[in-house]
């Protein structure tokens, strides 16, 4: 997931198509920026700018690129609840120090849980 759909397409779509071996791909949907593999896994690029369109999915793994540029509600109200019922779900947050406070909250929560 990128801050917006256009950025997701520009930054990652061609690379994802290159790294997934052709022999494991069932379908590629260029319009939806998604790939379904033969074992049923759906890999899709999304933009955080349209957070209501993200609701309702059951998410196993999410990569939030440039998280500091996203609204906090994307994680708290949409992504996290979509992962809550999925065993062993994971998220990775990627970004830079442009908006360090976005990551500070996660760090603080982790420190609180260690105590």
PDB file of N, CA and C in Angstrom:
ATOM      1  N   UNK A   1       0.837  -1.161   0.000  1.00  0.00           N
ATOM      2  CA  UNK A   1       0.000   0.000   0.000  1.00  0.00           C
ATOM      3  C   UNK A   1       0.889   1.234   0.000  1.00  0.00           C
ATOM      4  N   UNK A   2       0.518   2.176  -0.837  1.00  0.00           N
ATOM      5  CA  UNK A   2       1.233   3.446  -0.918  1.00  0.00           C
ATOM      6  C   UNK A   2       0.273   4.560  -0.500  1.00  0.00           C
ATOM      7  N   UNK A   3       0.777   5.754  -0.287  1.00  0.00           N
ATOM      8  CA  UNK A   3      -0.114   6.853   0.098  1.00  0.00           C
ATOM      9  C   UNK A   3      -1.253   7.085  -0.900  1.00  0.00           C
ATOM     10  N   UNK A   4      -0.993   6.838  -2.191  1.00  0.00           N
ATOM     11  CA  UNK A   4      -2.081   6.947  -3.172  1.00  0.00           C
ATOM     12  C   UNK A   4      -1.901   5.868  -4.239  1.00  0.00           C
ATOM     13  N   UNK A   5      -2.976   5.585  -4.935  1.00  0.00           N
ATOM     14  CA  UNK A   5      -3.022   4.503  -5.916  1.00  0.00           C
ATOM     15  C   UNK A   5      -2.011   4.706  -7.040  1.00  0.00           C
ATOM     16  N   UNK A   6      -1.905   5.921  -7.514  1.00  0.00           N
ATOM     17  CA  UNK A   6      -0.969   6.221  -8.615  1.00  0.00           C
ATOM     18  C   UNK A   6       0.469   5.934  -8.204  1.00  0.00           C
ATOM     19  N   UNK A   7       0.803   6.280  -6.977  1.00  0.00           N
ATOM     20  CA  UNK A   7       2.152   6.022  -6.488  1.00  0.00           C
ATOM     21  C   UNK A   7       2.400   4.515  -6.371  1.00  0.00           C
ATOM     22  N   UNK A   8       1.412   3.769  -5.919  1.00  0.00           N
ATOM     23  CA  UNK A   8       1.556   2.315  -5.826  1.00  0.00           C
ATOM     24  C   UNK A   8       1.853   1.727  -7.193  1.00  0.00           C
ATOM     25  N   UNK A   9       1.130   2.200  -8.195  1.00  0.00           N
ATOM     26  CA  UNK A   9       1.340   1.698  -9.555  1.00  0.00           C
ATOM     27  C   UNK A   9       2.727   2.088 -10.068  1.00  0.00           C
ATOM     28  N   UNK A  10       3.091   3.333  -9.897  1.00  0.00           N
ATOM     29  CA  UNK A  10       4.367   3.832 -10.406  1.00  0.00           C
ATOM     30  C   UNK A  10       5.557   3.146  -9.747  1.00  0.00           C
ATOM     31  N   UNK A  11       5.499   2.982  -8.453  1.00  0.00           N
ATOM     32  CA  UNK A  11       6.636   2.475  -7.696  1.00  0.00           C
ATOM     33  C   UNK A  11       6.762   0.958  -7.756  1.00  0.00           C
ATOM     34  N   UNK A  12       5.642   0.236  -7.724  1.00  0.00           N
ATOM     35  CA  UNK A  12       5.755  -1.199  -7.483  1.00  0.00           C
ATOM     36  C   UNK A  12       5.173  -2.144  -8.526  1.00  0.00           C
ATOM     37  N   UNK A  13       4.258  -1.720  -9.371  1.00  0.00           N
ATOM     38  CA  UNK A  13       3.549  -2.661 -10.230  1.00  0.00           C
ATOM     39  C   UNK A  13       4.473  -3.448 -11.168  1.00  0.00           C
ATOM     40  N   UNK A  14       5.331  -2.781 -11.899  1.00  0.00           N
ATOM     41  CA  UNK A  14       6.218  -3.487 -12.825  1.00  0.00           C
ATOM     42  C   UNK A  14       7.177  -4.412 -12.081  1.00  0.00           C
ATOM     43  N   UNK A  15       7.682  -3.960 -10.943  1.00  0.00           N
ATOM     44  CA  UNK A  15       8.595  -4.768 -10.160  1.00  0.00           C
ATOM     45  C   UNK A  15       7.905  -6.039  -9.650  1.00  0.00           C
ATOM     46  N   UNK A  16       6.691  -5.922  -9.172  1.00  0.00           N
ATOM     47  CA  UNK A  16       5.969  -7.099  -8.670  1.00  0.00           C
ATOM     48  C   UNK A  16       5.758  -8.108  -9.790  1.00  0.00           C
ATOM     49  N   UNK A  17       5.390  -7.630 -10.955  1.00  0.00           N
ATOM     50  CA  UNK A  17       5.184  -8.547 -12.081  1.00  0.00           C
ATOM     51  C   UNK A  17       6.480  -9.249 -12.478  1.00  0.00           C
ATOM     52  N   UNK A  18       7.603  -8.595 -12.291  1.00  0.00           N
ATOM     53  CA  UNK A  18       8.896  -9.188 -12.642  1.00  0.00           C
ATOM     54  C   UNK A  18       9.361 -10.229 -11.626  1.00  0.00           C
ATOM     55  N   UNK A  19       9.081 -10.024 -10.343  1.00  0.00           N
ATOM     56  CA  UNK A  19       9.622 -10.916  -9.319  1.00  0.00           C
ATOM     57  C   UNK A  19       8.760 -12.151  -9.056  1.00  0.00           C
ATOM     58  N   UNK A  20       7.500 -12.121  -9.434  1.00  0.00           N
ATOM     59  CA  UNK A  20       6.650 -13.299  -9.235  1.00  0.00           C
ATOM     60  C   UNK A  20       6.835 -14.219 -10.441  1.00  0.00           C
ATOM     61  N   UNK A  21       7.282 -15.441 -10.209  1.00  0.00           N
ATOM     62  CA  UNK A  21       7.512 -16.355 -11.329  1.00  0.00           C
ATOM     63  C   UNK A  21       6.224 -16.611 -12.127  1.00  0.00           C
ATOM     64  N   UNK A  22       6.352 -16.543 -13.424  1.00  0.00           N
ATOM     65  CA  UNK A  22       5.199 -16.716 -14.318  1.00  0.00           C
ATOM     66  C   UNK A  22       4.479 -18.047 -14.084  1.00  0.00           C
ATOM     67  N   UNK A  23       5.219 -19.081 -13.735  1.00  0.00           N
ATOM     68  CA  UNK A  23       4.620 -20.395 -13.561  1.00  0.00           C
ATOM     69  C   UNK A  23       3.723 -20.522 -12.327  1.00  0.00           C
ATOM     70  N   UNK A  24       3.748 -19.542 -11.424  1.00  0.00           N
ATOM     71  CA  UNK A  24       2.855 -19.597 -10.252  1.00  0.00           C
ATOM     72  C   UNK A  24       1.671 -18.644 -10.393  1.00  0.00           C
ATOM     73  N   UNK A  25       1.597 -17.911 -11.486  1.00  0.00           N
ATOM     74  CA  UNK A  25       0.534 -16.931 -11.691  1.00  0.00           C
ATOM     75  C   UNK A  25      -0.672 -17.570 -12.369  1.00  0.00           C
ATOM     76  N   UNK A  26      -1.828 -17.358 -11.753  1.00  0.00           N
ATOM     77  CA  UNK A  26      -3.081 -17.795 -12.371  1.00  0.00           C
ATOM     78  C   UNK A  26      -3.633 -16.686 -13.265  1.00  0.00           C
ATOM     79  N   UNK A  27      -3.765 -15.463 -12.696  1.00  0.00           N
ATOM     80  CA  UNK A  27      -4.275 -14.335 -13.473  1.00  0.00           C
ATOM     81  C   UNK A  27      -3.568 -13.046 -13.065  1.00  0.00           C
ATOM     82  N   UNK A  28      -3.476 -12.137 -14.026  1.00  0.00           N
ATOM     83  CA  UNK A  28      -2.966 -10.790 -13.789  1.00  0.00           C
ATOM     84  C   UNK A  28      -4.062  -9.832 -14.225  1.00  0.00           C
ATOM     85  N   UNK A  29      -4.453  -8.922 -13.325  1.00  0.00           N
ATOM     86  CA  UNK A  29      -5.466  -7.933 -13.647  1.00  0.00           C
ATOM     87  C   UNK A  29      -4.801  -6.563 -13.654  1.00  0.00           C
ATOM     88  N   UNK A  30      -4.502  -6.081 -14.832  1.00  0.00           N
ATOM     89  CA  UNK A  30      -3.818  -4.794 -14.978  1.00  0.00           C
ATOM     90  C   UNK A  30      -4.667  -3.638 -14.461  1.00  0.00           C
ATOM     91  N   UNK A  31      -5.971  -3.689 -14.680  1.00  0.00           N
ATOM     92  CA  UNK A  31      -6.852  -2.599 -14.251  1.00  0.00           C
ATOM     93  C   UNK A  31      -6.933  -2.490 -12.730  1.00  0.00           C
ATOM     94  N   UNK A  32      -6.896  -3.638 -12.050  1.00  0.00           N
ATOM     95  CA  UNK A  32      -7.002  -3.661 -10.585  1.00  0.00           C
ATOM     96  C   UNK A  32      -5.645  -3.734  -9.891  1.00  0.00           C
ATOM     97  N   UNK A  33      -4.573  -3.804 -10.685  1.00  0.00           N
ATOM     98  CA  UNK A  33      -3.215  -3.966 -10.139  1.00  0.00           C
ATOM     99  C   UNK A  33      -3.151  -5.149  -9.178  1.00  0.00           C
ATOM    100  N   UNK A  34      -3.616  -6.298  -9.656  1.00  0.00           N
ATOM    101  CA  UNK A  34      -3.621  -7.484  -8.801  1.00  0.00           C
ATOM    102  C   UNK A  34      -3.160  -8.717  -9.565  1.00  0.00           C
ATOM    103  N   UNK A  35      -2.616  -9.638  -8.805  1.00  0.00           N
ATOM    104  CA  UNK A  35      -2.164 -10.916  -9.328  1.00  0.00           C
ATOM    105  C   UNK A  35      -2.708 -12.001  -8.409  1.00  0.00           C
ATOM    106  N   UNK A  36      -3.347 -13.010  -8.998  1.00  0.00           N
ATOM    107  CA  UNK A  36      -3.783 -14.177  -8.238  1.00  0.00           C
ATOM    108  C   UNK A  36      -2.861 -15.325  -8.606  1.00  0.00           C
ATOM    109  N   UNK A  37      -2.341 -15.991  -7.565  1.00  0.00           N
ATOM    110  CA  UNK A  37      -1.438 -17.108  -7.801  1.00  0.00           C
ATOM    111  C   UNK A  37      -2.228 -18.417  -7.861  1.00  0.00           C
ATOM    112  N   UNK A  38      -1.581 -19.461  -8.331  1.00  0.00           N
ATOM    113  CA  UNK A  38      -2.231 -20.761  -8.476  1.00  0.00           C
ATOM    114  C   UNK A  38      -2.723 -21.330  -7.142  1.00  0.00           C
ATOM    115  N   UNK A  39      -2.076 -20.945  -6.036  1.00  0.00           N
ATOM    116  CA  UNK A  39      -2.526 -21.438  -4.734  1.00  0.00           C
ATOM    117  C   UNK A  39      -3.584 -20.523  -4.094  1.00  0.00           C
ATOM    118  N   UNK A  40      -4.109 -19.570  -4.867  1.00  0.00           N
ATOM    119  CA  UNK A  40      -5.220 -18.746  -4.396  1.00  0.00           C
ATOM    120  C   UNK A  40      -4.849 -17.443  -3.722  1.00  0.00           C
ATOM    121  N   UNK A  41      -3.583 -17.167  -3.565  1.00  0.00           N
ATOM    122  CA  UNK A  41      -3.152 -15.924  -2.927  1.00  0.00           C
ATOM    123  C   UNK A  41      -3.414 -14.753  -3.875  1.00  0.00           C
ATOM    124  N   UNK A  42      -3.984 -13.686  -3.325  1.00  0.00           N
ATOM    125  CA  UNK A  42      -4.206 -12.464  -4.092  1.00  0.00           C
ATOM    126  C   UNK A  42      -3.211 -11.416  -3.635  1.00  0.00           C
ATOM    127  N   UNK A  43      -2.421 -10.927  -4.572  1.00  0.00           N
ATOM    128  CA  UNK A  43      -1.466  -9.852  -4.315  1.00  0.00           C
ATOM    129  C   UNK A  43      -2.014  -8.629  -5.033  1.00  0.00           C
ATOM    130  N   UNK A  44      -2.239  -7.553  -4.279  1.00  0.00           N
ATOM    131  CA  UNK A  44      -2.854  -6.368  -4.880  1.00  0.00           C
ATOM    132  C   UNK A  44      -2.190  -5.110  -4.360  1.00  0.00           C
ATOM    133  N   UNK A  45      -2.031  -4.148  -5.250  1.00  0.00           N
ATOM    134  CA  UNK A  45      -1.530  -2.836  -4.854  1.00  0.00           C
ATOM    135  C   UNK A  45      -2.717  -1.943  -4.555  1.00  0.00           C
ATOM    136  N   UNK A  46      -2.592  -1.160  -3.495  1.00  0.00           N
ATOM    137  CA  UNK A  46      -3.675  -0.282  -3.072  1.00  0.00           C
ATOM    138  C   UNK A  46      -3.121   1.088  -2.716  1.00  0.00           C
ATOM    139  N   UNK A  47      -4.015   2.067  -2.716  1.00  0.00           N
ATOM    140  CA  UNK A  47      -3.665   3.410  -2.286  1.00  0.00           C
ATOM    141  C   UNK A  47      -4.419   3.748  -1.012  1.00  0.00           C
ATOM    142  N   UNK A  48      -3.725   4.329  -0.059  1.00  0.00           N
ATOM    143  CA  UNK A  48      -4.341   4.671   1.219  1.00  0.00           C
ATOM    144  C   UNK A  48      -5.264   5.880   1.110  1.00  0.00           C
ATOM    145  N   UNK A  49      -5.226   6.576  -0.012  1.00  0.00           N
ATOM    146  CA  UNK A  49      -6.059   7.758  -0.188  1.00  0.00           C
ATOM    147  C   UNK A  49      -7.536   7.405  -0.336  1.00  0.00           C
ATOM    148  N   UNK A  50      -7.836   6.159  -0.620  1.00  0.00           N
ATOM    149  CA  UNK A  50      -9.221   5.717  -0.757  1.00  0.00           C
ATOM    150  C   UNK A  50      -9.503   4.658   0.295  1.00  0.00           C
ATOM    151  N   UNK A  51      -9.405   5.052   1.555  1.00  0.00           N
ATOM    152  CA  UNK A  51      -9.456   4.076   2.634  1.00  0.00           C
ATOM    153  C   UNK A  51     -10.790   3.345   2.740  1.00  0.00           C
ATOM    154  N   UNK A  52     -11.885   3.946   2.357  1.00  0.00           N
ATOM    155  CA  UNK A  52     -13.165   3.245   2.441  1.00  0.00           C
ATOM    156  C   UNK A  52     -13.218   2.051   1.493  1.00  0.00           C
ATOM    157  N   UNK A  53     -12.507   2.116   0.387  1.00  0.00           N
ATOM    158  CA  UNK A  53     -12.494   0.997  -0.552  1.00  0.00           C
ATOM    159  C   UNK A  53     -11.667  -0.173  -0.019  1.00  0.00           C
ATOM    160  N   UNK A  54     -10.936   0.034   1.057  1.00  0.00           N
ATOM    161  CA  UNK A  54     -10.101  -1.015   1.635  1.00  0.00           C
ATOM    162  C   UNK A  54     -10.834  -1.823   2.699  1.00  0.00           C
ATOM    163  N   UNK A  55     -11.982  -1.363   3.134  1.00  0.00           N
ATOM    164  CA  UNK A  55     -12.706  -2.015   4.234  1.00  0.00           C
ATOM    165  C   UNK A  55     -13.252  -3.382   3.818  1.00  0.00           C
ATOM    166  N   UNK A  56     -13.273  -4.293   4.782  1.00  0.00           N
ATOM    167  CA  UNK A  56     -13.917  -5.581   4.576  1.00  0.00           C
ATOM    168  C   UNK A  56     -13.014  -6.722   4.140  1.00  0.00           C
ATOM    169  N   UNK A  57     -11.824  -6.438   3.690  1.00  0.00           N
ATOM    170  CA  UNK A  57     -10.922  -7.506   3.246  1.00  0.00           C
ATOM    171  C   UNK A  57     -10.305  -8.202   4.455  1.00  0.00           C
ATOM    172  N   UNK A  58      -9.999  -9.461   4.312  1.00  0.00           N
ATOM    173  CA  UNK A  58      -9.241 -10.209   5.319  1.00  0.00           C
ATOM    174  C   UNK A  58      -7.789 -10.187   4.846  1.00  0.00           C
ATOM    175  N   UNK A  59      -6.928  -9.536   5.609  1.00  0.00           N
ATOM    176  CA  UNK A  59      -5.555  -9.309   5.168  1.00  0.00           C
ATOM    177  C   UNK A  59      -4.565 -10.149   5.961  1.00  0.00           C
ATOM    178  N   UNK A  60      -3.706 -10.867   5.249  1.00  0.00           N
ATOM    179  CA  UNK A  60      -2.679 -11.713   5.860  1.00  0.00           C
ATOM    180  C   UNK A  60      -1.359 -10.953   6.024  1.00  0.00           C
ATOM    181  N   UNK A  61      -1.005 -10.160   5.012  1.00  0.00           N
ATOM    182  CA  UNK A  61       0.239  -9.398   5.052  1.00  0.00           C
ATOM    183  C   UNK A  61       0.035  -8.070   4.336  1.00  0.00           C
ATOM    184  N   UNK A  62       0.470  -6.997   4.976  1.00  0.00           N
ATOM    185  CA  UNK A  62       0.344  -5.670   4.384  1.00  0.00           C
ATOM    186  C   UNK A  62       1.679  -4.950   4.533  1.00  0.00           C
ATOM    187  N   UNK A  63       2.118  -4.338   3.457  1.00  0.00           N
ATOM    188  CA  UNK A  63       3.298  -3.489   3.470  1.00  0.00           C
ATOM    189  C   UNK A  63       2.814  -2.061   3.233  1.00  0.00           C
ATOM    190  N   UNK A  64       3.031  -1.193   4.201  1.00  0.00           N
ATOM    191  CA  UNK A  64       2.615   0.201   4.091  1.00  0.00           C
ATOM    192  C   UNK A  64       3.836   1.048   3.773  1.00  0.00           C
ATOM    193  N   UNK A  65       3.972   1.430   2.510  1.00  0.00           N
ATOM    194  CA  UNK A  65       5.132   2.184   2.050  1.00  0.00           C
ATOM    195  C   UNK A  65       4.873   3.674   2.220  1.00  0.00           C
ATOM    196  N   UNK A  66       5.858   4.384   2.712  1.00  0.00           N
ATOM    197  CA  UNK A  66       5.736   5.822   3.020  1.00  0.00           C
ATOM    198  C   UNK A  66       4.584   6.053   3.994  1.00  0.00           C
ATOM    199  N   UNK A  67       4.584   5.254   5.052  1.00  0.00           N
ATOM    200  CA  UNK A  67       3.513   5.312   6.050  1.00  0.00           C
ATOM    201  C   UNK A  67       3.347   6.712   6.639  1.00  0.00           C
ATOM    202  N   UNK A  68       4.419   7.444   6.789  1.00  0.00           N
ATOM    203  CA  UNK A  68       4.349   8.783   7.370  1.00  0.00           C
ATOM    204  C   UNK A  68       3.491   9.746   6.569  1.00  0.00           C
ATOM    205  N   UNK A  69       3.209   9.429   5.316  1.00  0.00           N
ATOM    206  CA  UNK A  69       2.386  10.289   4.471  1.00  0.00           C
ATOM    207  C   UNK A  69       0.911   9.869   4.472  1.00  0.00           C
ATOM    208  N   UNK A  70       0.593   8.808   5.220  1.00  0.00           N
ATOM    209  CA  UNK A  70      -0.787   8.318   5.265  1.00  0.00           C
ATOM    210  C   UNK A  70      -1.503   8.862   6.501  1.00  0.00           C
ATOM    211  N   UNK A  71      -2.815   8.957   6.392  1.00  0.00           N
ATOM    212  CA  UNK A  71      -3.610   9.322   7.568  1.00  0.00           C
ATOM    213  C   UNK A  71      -3.549   8.189   8.589  1.00  0.00           C
ATOM    214  N   UNK A  72      -3.450   8.516   9.856  1.00  0.00           N
ATOM    215  CA  UNK A  72      -3.384   7.500  10.911  1.00  0.00           C
ATOM    216  C   UNK A  72      -4.617   6.606  10.904  1.00  0.00           C
ATOM    217  N   UNK A  73      -5.733   7.125  10.450  1.00  0.00           N
ATOM    218  CA  UNK A  73      -6.968   6.337  10.444  1.00  0.00           C
ATOM    219  C   UNK A  73      -6.882   5.137   9.508  1.00  0.00           C
ATOM    220  N   UNK A  74      -6.009   5.175   8.517  1.00  0.00           N
ATOM    221  CA  UNK A  74      -5.869   4.039   7.600  1.00  0.00           C
ATOM    222  C   UNK A  74      -5.449   2.801   8.388  1.00  0.00           C
ATOM    223  N   UNK A  75      -4.479   2.935   9.259  1.00  0.00           N
ATOM    224  CA  UNK A  75      -4.043   1.798  10.071  1.00  0.00           C
ATOM    225  C   UNK A  75      -5.051   1.482  11.170  1.00  0.00           C
ATOM    226  N   UNK A  76      -5.384   2.471  11.969  1.00  0.00           N
ATOM    227  CA  UNK A  76      -6.218   2.246  13.149  1.00  0.00           C
ATOM    228  C   UNK A  76      -7.634   1.776  12.825  1.00  0.00           C
ATOM    229  N   UNK A  77      -8.240   2.332  11.804  1.00  0.00           N
ATOM    230  CA  UNK A  77      -9.651   2.062  11.536  1.00  0.00           C
ATOM    231  C   UNK A  77      -9.905   1.082  10.393  1.00  0.00           C
ATOM    232  N   UNK A  78      -8.909   0.858   9.545  1.00  0.00           N
ATOM    233  CA  UNK A  78      -9.157   0.022   8.366  1.00  0.00           C
ATOM    234  C   UNK A  78      -8.246  -1.208   8.327  1.00  0.00           C
ATOM    235  N   UNK A  79      -6.951  -1.007   8.252  1.00  0.00           N
ATOM    236  CA  UNK A  79      -6.024  -2.125   8.054  1.00  0.00           C
ATOM    237  C   UNK A  79      -5.959  -3.033   9.279  1.00  0.00           C
ATOM    238  N   UNK A  80      -5.714  -2.468  10.424  1.00  0.00           N
ATOM    239  CA  UNK A  80      -5.582  -3.285  11.637  1.00  0.00           C
ATOM    240  C   UNK A  80      -6.828  -4.139  11.893  1.00  0.00           C
ATOM    241  N   UNK A  81      -8.028  -3.575  11.822  1.00  0.00           N
ATOM    242  CA  UNK A  81      -9.217  -4.424  12.005  1.00  0.00           C
ATOM    243  C   UNK A  81      -9.338  -5.527  10.940  1.00  0.00           C
ATOM    244  N   UNK A  82      -8.855  -5.261   9.731  1.00  0.00           N
ATOM    245  CA  UNK A  82      -8.925  -6.262   8.664  1.00  0.00           C
ATOM    246  C   UNK A  82      -7.947  -7.412   8.884  1.00  0.00           C
ATOM    247  N   UNK A  83      -6.989  -7.213   9.763  1.00  0.00           N
ATOM    248  CA  UNK A  83      -6.005  -8.248  10.061  1.00  0.00           C
ATOM    249  C   UNK A  83      -6.326  -8.986  11.364  1.00  0.00           C
ATOM    250  N   UNK A  84      -7.224  -8.440  12.143  1.00  0.00           N
ATOM    251  CA  UNK A  84      -7.482  -8.949  13.486  1.00  0.00           C
ATOM    252  C   UNK A  84      -7.944 -10.406  13.512  1.00  0.00           C
ATOM    253  N   UNK A  85      -8.740 -10.830  12.556  1.00  0.00           N
ATOM    254  CA  UNK A  85      -9.270 -12.194  12.541  1.00  0.00           C
ATOM    255  C   UNK A  85      -8.437 -13.161  11.719  1.00  0.00           C
ATOM    256  N   UNK A  86      -7.313 -12.727  11.227  1.00  0.00           N
ATOM    257  CA  UNK A  86      -6.466 -13.566  10.381  1.00  0.00           C
ATOM    258  C   UNK A  86      -5.269 -14.032  11.211  1.00  0.00           C
ATOM    259  N   UNK A  87      -5.175 -15.340  11.463  1.00  0.00           N
ATOM    260  CA  UNK A  87      -4.052 -15.844  12.262  1.00  0.00           C
ATOM    261  C   UNK A  87      -2.700 -15.502  11.631  1.00  0.00           C
ATOM    262  N   UNK A  88      -1.769 -15.115  12.473  1.00  0.00           N
ATOM    263  CA  UNK A  88      -0.388 -14.821  12.062  1.00  0.00           C
ATOM    264  C   UNK A  88      -0.279 -13.728  11.005  1.00  0.00           C
ATOM    265  N   UNK A  89      -1.223 -12.805  10.982  1.00  0.00           N
ATOM    266  CA  UNK A  89      -1.132 -11.701  10.019  1.00  0.00           C
ATOM    267  C   UNK A  89       0.017 -10.779  10.427  1.00  0.00           C
ATOM    268  N   UNK A  90       0.567 -10.103   9.434  1.00  0.00           N
ATOM    269  CA  UNK A  90       1.728  -9.250   9.662  1.00  0.00           C
ATOM    270  C   UNK A  90       1.612  -7.966   8.859  1.00  0.00           C
ATOM    271  N   UNK A  91       2.272  -6.931   9.362  1.00  0.00           N
ATOM    272  CA  UNK A  91       2.358  -5.660   8.640  1.00  0.00           C
ATOM    273  C   UNK A  91       3.779  -5.137   8.766  1.00  0.00           C
ATOM    274  N   UNK A  92       4.213  -4.488   7.710  1.00  0.00           N
ATOM    275  CA  UNK A  92       5.520  -3.835   7.732  1.00  0.00           C
ATOM    276  C   UNK A  92       5.302  -2.371   7.355  1.00  0.00           C
ATOM    277  N   UNK A  93       5.936  -1.503   8.096  1.00  0.00           N
ATOM    278  CA  UNK A  93       5.804  -0.068   7.886  1.00  0.00           C
ATOM    279  C   UNK A  93       7.119   0.470   7.352  1.00  0.00           C
ATOM    280  N   UNK A  94       7.050   1.122   6.200  1.00  0.00           N
ATOM    281  CA  UNK A  94       8.243   1.629   5.543  1.00  0.00           C
ATOM    282  C   UNK A  94       8.115   3.144   5.412  1.00  0.00           C
ATOM    283  N   UNK A  95       9.193   3.842   5.632  1.00  0.00           N
ATOM    284  CA  UNK A  95       9.141   5.289   5.480  1.00  0.00           C
ATOM    285  C   UNK A  95      10.473   5.913   5.804  1.00  0.00           C
ATOM    286  N   UNK A  96      10.463   7.219   5.844  1.00  0.00           N
ATOM    287  CA  UNK A  96      11.679   7.940   6.191  1.00  0.00           C
ATOM    288  C   UNK A  96      11.372   8.873   7.348  1.00  0.00           C
ATOM    289  N   UNK A  97      12.297   9.696   7.686  1.00  0.00           N
ATOM    290  CA  UNK A  97      12.128  10.558   8.859  1.00  0.00           C
ATOM    291  C   UNK A  97      11.344  11.828   8.558  1.00  0.00           C
ATOM    292  N   UNK A  98      10.767  11.930   7.366  1.00  0.00           N
ATOM    293  CA  UNK A  98       9.984  13.108   7.015  1.00  0.00           C
ATOM    294  C   UNK A  98       8.902  13.387   8.065  1.00  0.00           C
ATOM    295  N   UNK A  99       8.245  12.325   8.491  1.00  0.00           N
ATOM    296  CA  UNK A  99       7.232  12.461   9.538  1.00  0.00           C
ATOM    297  C   UNK A  99       7.514  11.424  10.617  1.00  0.00           C
ATOM    298  N   UNK A 100       8.563  11.643  11.330  1.00  0.00           N
ATOM    299  CA  UNK A 100       9.019  10.678  12.328  1.00  0.00           C
ATOM    300  C   UNK A 100       7.960  10.400  13.389  1.00  0.00           C
ATOM    301  N   UNK A 101       7.081  11.349  13.693  1.00  0.00           N
ATOM    302  CA  UNK A 101       6.073  11.136  14.723  1.00  0.00           C
ATOM    303  C   UNK A 101       5.128  10.002  14.362  1.00  0.00           C
ATOM    304  N   UNK A 102       4.957   9.709  13.078  1.00  0.00           N
ATOM    305  CA  UNK A 102       4.104   8.599  12.673  1.00  0.00           C
ATOM    306  C   UNK A 102       4.644   7.286  13.200  1.00  0.00           C
ATOM    307  N   UNK A 103       5.938   7.153  13.259  1.00  0.00           N
ATOM    308  CA  UNK A 103       6.553   5.934  13.740  1.00  0.00           C
ATOM    309  C   UNK A 103       6.765   5.965  15.254  1.00  0.00           C
ATOM    310  N   UNK A 104       6.845   7.130  15.825  1.00  0.00           N
ATOM    311  CA  UNK A 104       7.096   7.244  17.260  1.00  0.00           C
ATOM    312  C   UNK A 104       6.004   6.560  18.068  1.00  0.00           C
ATOM    313  N   UNK A 105       4.764   6.677  17.624  1.00  0.00           N
ATOM    314  CA  UNK A 105       3.661   6.021  18.334  1.00  0.00           C
ATOM    315  C   UNK A 105       3.821   4.510  18.366  1.00  0.00           C
ATOM    316  N   UNK A 106       4.251   3.921  17.258  1.00  0.00           N
ATOM    317  CA  UNK A 106       4.472   2.474  17.226  1.00  0.00           C
ATOM    318  C   UNK A 106       5.614   2.077  18.149  1.00  0.00           C
ATOM    319  N   UNK A 107       6.670   2.853  18.156  1.00  0.00           N
ATOM    320  CA  UNK A 107       7.813   2.580  19.017  1.00  0.00           C
ATOM    321  C   UNK A 107       7.371   2.633  20.474  1.00  0.00           C
ATOM    322  N   UNK A 108       6.632   3.674  20.827  1.00  0.00           N
ATOM    323  CA  UNK A 108       6.172   3.823  22.207  1.00  0.00           C
ATOM    324  C   UNK A 108       5.281   2.665  22.641  1.00  0.00           C
ATOM    325  N   UNK A 109       4.390   2.214  21.763  1.00  0.00           N
ATOM    326  CA  UNK A 109       3.525   1.072  22.095  1.00  0.00           C
ATOM    327  C   UNK A 109       4.353  -0.176  22.325  1.00  0.00           C
ATOM    328  N   UNK A 110       5.372  -0.383  21.497  1.00  0.00           N
ATOM    329  CA  UNK A 110       6.244  -1.546  21.665  1.00  0.00           C
ATOM    330  C   UNK A 110       7.000  -1.488  22.975  1.00  0.00           C
ATOM    331  N   UNK A 111       7.495  -0.322  23.344  1.00  0.00           N
ATOM    332  CA  UNK A 111       8.201  -0.157  24.608  1.00  0.00           C
ATOM    333  C   UNK A 111       7.271  -0.415  25.782  1.00  0.00           C
ATOM    334  N   UNK A 112       6.028   0.055  25.696  1.00  0.00           N
ATOM    335  CA  UNK A 112       5.046  -0.162  26.760  1.00  0.00           C
ATOM    336  C   UNK A 112       4.786  -1.653  26.958  1.00  0.00           C
ATOM    337  N   UNK A 113       4.723  -2.408  25.864  1.00  0.00           N
ATOM    338  CA  UNK A 113       4.448  -3.840  25.961  1.00  0.00           C
ATOM    339  C   UNK A 113       5.633  -4.618  26.527  1.00  0.00           C
ATOM    340  N   UNK A 114       6.823  -4.088  26.381  1.00  0.00           N
ATOM    341  CA  UNK A 114       8.013  -4.758  26.922  1.00  0.00           C
ATOM    342  C   UNK A 114       8.099  -4.604  28.433  1.00  0.00           C
ATOM    343  N   UNK A 115       7.465  -3.576  28.963  1.00  0.00           N
ATOM    344  CA  UNK A 115       7.566  -3.296  30.416  1.00  0.00           C
ATOM    345  C   UNK A 115       6.733  -4.261  31.230  1.00  0.00           C
TER     346      UNK A 115
END
